[in-house]
Amino acid sequence: MDTTRAANSPPSAAILLASWELPAPGFLTAAQVRGAHCVWCNTRLEGATAVDLGQRYEAILGVVGRWFPRGCCPCTLQQVLAAYKVHWKTCEQCTDDPTLCDVQRALRALALELRR
């Protein structure tokens, strides 16, 4: 990650995605936990179709371990759009001036990228 990023530039998609709550790994298949299938719809993923949701450390079957969730573009887009709708309703900056909110800009940019 680039630590020289300007303070007023929007957070990267990886930071946003890594902060999302996902289905508990104990309820997912082994393929979903290792990132071979989408965490939401269980679709098999290819390198070009997968969206990396960031490495996580959580309890899996009672043991804390690493897992590597990924999502397909349609499911990730659906999650981004849902987060976008909730964010602007709950963000004080968005209430005042949505053009100054880094999170809103990052969510919008990610949604546009996923629509390609």
C-alpha atoms as a PDB file:
ATOM      1  CA  MET A   1       0.000   0.000   0.000  1.00  0.00           C
ATOM      2  CA  ASP A   2       1.240   3.486  -0.836  1.00  0.00           C
ATOM      3  CA  THR A   3       1.855   5.333   2.432  1.00  0.00           C
ATOM      4  CA  THR A   4       2.731   8.560   0.614  1.00  0.00           C
ATOM      5  CA  ARG A   5      -0.871   9.027  -0.468  1.00  0.00           C
ATOM      6  CA  ALA A   6      -2.072  12.583   0.092  1.00  0.00           C
ATOM      7  CA  ALA A   7      -4.224  13.071   3.169  1.00  0.00           C
ATOM      8  CA  ASN A   8      -7.170  14.370   1.159  1.00  0.00           C
ATOM      9  CA  SER A   9      -7.188  11.668  -1.544  1.00  0.00           C
ATOM     10  CA  PRO A  10      -9.898   8.994  -1.336  1.00  0.00           C
ATOM     11  CA  PRO A  11      -9.153   5.702   0.405  1.00  0.00           C
ATOM     12  CA  SER A  12      -8.339   2.818  -1.877  1.00  0.00           C
ATOM     13  CA  ALA A  13     -10.917   0.205  -2.757  1.00  0.00           C
ATOM     14  CA  ALA A  14      -8.863  -2.388  -0.897  1.00  0.00           C
ATOM     15  CA  ILE A  15      -9.201  -0.455   2.368  1.00  0.00           C
ATOM     16  CA  LEU A  16     -12.962  -0.091   1.903  1.00  0.00           C
ATOM     17  CA  LEU A  17     -13.464  -3.726   0.968  1.00  0.00           C
ATOM     18  CA  ALA A  18     -11.308  -4.994   3.823  1.00  0.00           C
ATOM     19  CA  SER A  19     -13.502  -3.153   6.334  1.00  0.00           C
ATOM     20  CA  TRP A  20     -16.780  -4.785   5.215  1.00  0.00           C
ATOM     21  CA  GLU A  21     -18.509  -7.447   7.195  1.00  0.00           C
ATOM     22  CA  LEU A  22     -18.708 -10.676   5.255  1.00  0.00           C
ATOM     23  CA  PRO A  23     -20.483 -13.965   5.861  1.00  0.00           C
ATOM     24  CA  ALA A  24     -18.845 -15.829   8.749  1.00  0.00           C
ATOM     25  CA  PRO A  25     -16.178 -18.182   7.397  1.00  0.00           C
ATOM     26  CA  GLY A  26     -17.598 -21.041   9.466  1.00  0.00           C
ATOM     27  CA  PHE A  27     -20.707 -20.965   7.256  1.00  0.00           C
ATOM     28  CA  LEU A  28     -18.772 -20.925   3.963  1.00  0.00           C
ATOM     29  CA  THR A  29     -17.392 -23.733   1.868  1.00  0.00           C
ATOM     30  CA  ALA A  30     -13.662 -24.415   1.760  1.00  0.00           C
ATOM     31  CA  ALA A  31     -13.562 -22.978  -1.775  1.00  0.00           C
ATOM     32  CA  GLN A  32     -15.160 -19.739  -0.557  1.00  0.00           C
ATOM     33  CA  VAL A  33     -12.731 -19.443   2.379  1.00  0.00           C
ATOM     34  CA  ARG A  34      -9.688 -19.827   0.124  1.00  0.00           C
ATOM     35  CA  GLY A  35     -11.087 -17.363  -2.447  1.00  0.00           C
ATOM     36  CA  ALA A  36     -11.798 -19.804  -5.278  1.00  0.00           C
ATOM     37  CA  HIS A  37     -15.550 -19.078  -5.100  1.00  0.00           C
ATOM     38  CA  CYS A  38     -17.548 -15.910  -4.391  1.00  0.00           C
ATOM     39  CA  VAL A  39     -18.335 -15.458  -0.672  1.00  0.00           C
ATOM     40  CA  TRP A  40     -21.895 -14.398  -1.481  1.00  0.00           C
ATOM     41  CA  CYS A  41     -23.123 -16.600  -4.355  1.00  0.00           C
ATOM     42  CA  ASN A  42     -20.536 -19.429  -4.404  1.00  0.00           C
ATOM     43  CA  THR A  43     -19.772 -18.868  -8.117  1.00  0.00           C
ATOM     44  CA  ARG A  44     -16.407 -20.233  -9.224  1.00  0.00           C
ATOM     45  CA  LEU A  45     -13.980 -17.335  -9.757  1.00  0.00           C
ATOM     46  CA  GLU A  46     -11.238 -16.811 -12.299  1.00  0.00           C
ATOM     47  CA  GLY A  47      -8.376 -14.371 -11.817  1.00  0.00           C
ATOM     48  CA  ALA A  48      -9.945 -11.782 -14.112  1.00  0.00           C
ATOM     49  CA  THR A  49     -13.439 -12.050 -12.593  1.00  0.00           C
ATOM     50  CA  ALA A  50     -12.519 -12.033  -8.908  1.00  0.00           C
ATOM     51  CA  VAL A  51     -12.579  -9.013  -6.617  1.00  0.00           C
ATOM     52  CA  ASP A  52     -10.119  -9.363  -3.733  1.00  0.00           C
ATOM     53  CA  LEU A  53     -11.848  -8.494  -0.461  1.00  0.00           C
ATOM     54  CA  GLY A  54      -8.670  -8.438   1.616  1.00  0.00           C
ATOM     55  CA  GLN A  55      -7.023 -11.025   3.818  1.00  0.00           C
ATOM     56  CA  ARG A  56      -8.904 -11.604   7.077  1.00  0.00           C
ATOM     57  CA  TYR A  57      -8.059 -13.107  10.447  1.00  0.00           C
ATOM     58  CA  GLU A  58     -11.094 -14.740  12.043  1.00  0.00           C
ATOM     59  CA  ALA A  59     -12.127 -17.863  13.902  1.00  0.00           C
ATOM     60  CA  ILE A  60     -12.754 -20.714  11.496  1.00  0.00           C
ATOM     61  CA  LEU A  61     -14.140 -23.798  13.218  1.00  0.00           C
ATOM     62  CA  GLY A  62     -12.934 -22.448  16.556  1.00  0.00           C
ATOM     63  CA  VAL A  63      -9.370 -21.693  15.465  1.00  0.00           C
ATOM     64  CA  VAL A  64      -8.243 -18.191  14.518  1.00  0.00           C
ATOM     65  CA  GLY A  65      -6.783 -18.304  11.058  1.00  0.00           C
ATOM     66  CA  ARG A  66      -6.257 -16.425   7.841  1.00  0.00           C
ATOM     67  CA  TRP A  67      -8.711 -16.543   5.001  1.00  0.00           C
ATOM     68  CA  PHE A  68      -8.806 -14.876   1.629  1.00  0.00           C
ATOM     69  CA  PRO A  69     -12.339 -13.890   0.632  1.00  0.00           C
ATOM     70  CA  ARG A  70     -13.103 -12.834  -2.912  1.00  0.00           C
ATOM     71  CA  GLY A  71     -16.320 -11.911  -4.648  1.00  0.00           C
ATOM     72  CA  CYS A  72     -17.631 -11.965  -8.191  1.00  0.00           C
ATOM     73  CA  CYS A  73     -18.159  -8.590  -9.882  1.00  0.00           C
ATOM     74  CA  PRO A  74     -22.001  -8.672  -9.778  1.00  0.00           C
ATOM     75  CA  CYS A  75     -22.159  -9.541  -6.058  1.00  0.00           C
ATOM     76  CA  THR A  76     -19.428  -7.064  -5.125  1.00  0.00           C
ATOM     77  CA  LEU A  77     -21.165  -4.341  -7.137  1.00  0.00           C
ATOM     78  CA  GLN A  78     -24.406  -5.085  -5.287  1.00  0.00           C
ATOM     79  CA  GLN A  79     -22.569  -4.749  -1.953  1.00  0.00           C
ATOM     80  CA  VAL A  80     -20.865  -1.513  -3.048  1.00  0.00           C
ATOM     81  CA  LEU A  81     -24.171   0.021  -4.137  1.00  0.00           C
ATOM     82  CA  ALA A  82     -25.798  -0.993  -0.840  1.00  0.00           C
ATOM     83  CA  ALA A  83     -22.900   0.559   1.108  1.00  0.00           C
ATOM     84  CA  TYR A  84     -23.150   3.716  -1.018  1.00  0.00           C
ATOM     85  CA  LYS A  85     -26.870   4.084  -0.245  1.00  0.00           C
ATOM     86  CA  VAL A  86     -26.334   3.631   3.488  1.00  0.00           C
ATOM     87  CA  HIS A  87     -23.214   5.790   3.650  1.00  0.00           C
ATOM     88  CA  TRP A  88     -24.647   9.040   2.356  1.00  0.00           C
ATOM     89  CA  LYS A  89     -27.577   8.747   4.781  1.00  0.00           C
ATOM     90  CA  THR A  90     -25.323   8.316   7.808  1.00  0.00           C
ATOM     91  CA  CYS A  91     -22.262  10.418   6.975  1.00  0.00           C
ATOM     92  CA  GLU A  92     -22.091  13.920   8.453  1.00  0.00           C
ATOM     93  CA  GLN A  93     -19.761  15.104   5.679  1.00  0.00           C
ATOM     94  CA  CYS A  94     -22.185  13.850   3.011  1.00  0.00           C
ATOM     95  CA  THR A  95     -24.992  15.760   4.712  1.00  0.00           C
ATOM     96  CA  ASP A  96     -22.962  18.976   4.580  1.00  0.00           C
ATOM     97  CA  ASP A  97     -21.240  18.587   1.208  1.00  0.00           C
ATOM     98  CA  PRO A  98     -21.087  15.148  -0.447  1.00  0.00           C
ATOM     99  CA  THR A  99     -18.414  16.284  -2.903  1.00  0.00           C
ATOM    100  CA  LEU A 100     -15.893  16.468  -0.034  1.00  0.00           C
ATOM    101  CA  CYS A 101     -16.472  12.931   1.307  1.00  0.00           C
ATOM    102  CA  ASP A 102     -13.564  10.611   0.490  1.00  0.00           C
ATOM    103  CA  VAL A 103     -15.513   7.445   1.285  1.00  0.00           C
ATOM    104  CA  GLN A 104     -18.400   8.385  -0.998  1.00  0.00           C
ATOM    105  CA  ARG A 105     -15.996   9.169  -3.838  1.00  0.00           C
ATOM    106  CA  ALA A 106     -14.170   5.867  -3.346  1.00  0.00           C
ATOM    107  CA  LEU A 107     -17.428   3.891  -3.288  1.00  0.00           C
ATOM    108  CA  ARG A 108     -18.622   5.635  -6.441  1.00  0.00           C
ATOM    109  CA  ALA A 109     -15.310   5.018  -8.225  1.00  0.00           C
ATOM    110  CA  LEU A 110     -15.390   1.353  -7.226  1.00  0.00           C
ATOM    111  CA  ALA A 111     -18.977   0.968  -8.440  1.00  0.00           C
ATOM    112  CA  LEU A 112     -18.080   2.519 -11.791  1.00  0.00           C
ATOM    113  CA  GLU A 113     -15.051   0.234 -12.110  1.00  0.00           C
ATOM    114  CA  LEU A 114     -17.108  -2.879 -11.313  1.00  0.00           C
ATOM    115  CA  ARG A 115     -19.704  -1.973 -13.954  1.00  0.00           C
ATOM    116  CA  ARG A 116     -17.133  -2.335 -16.748  1.00  0.00           C
END
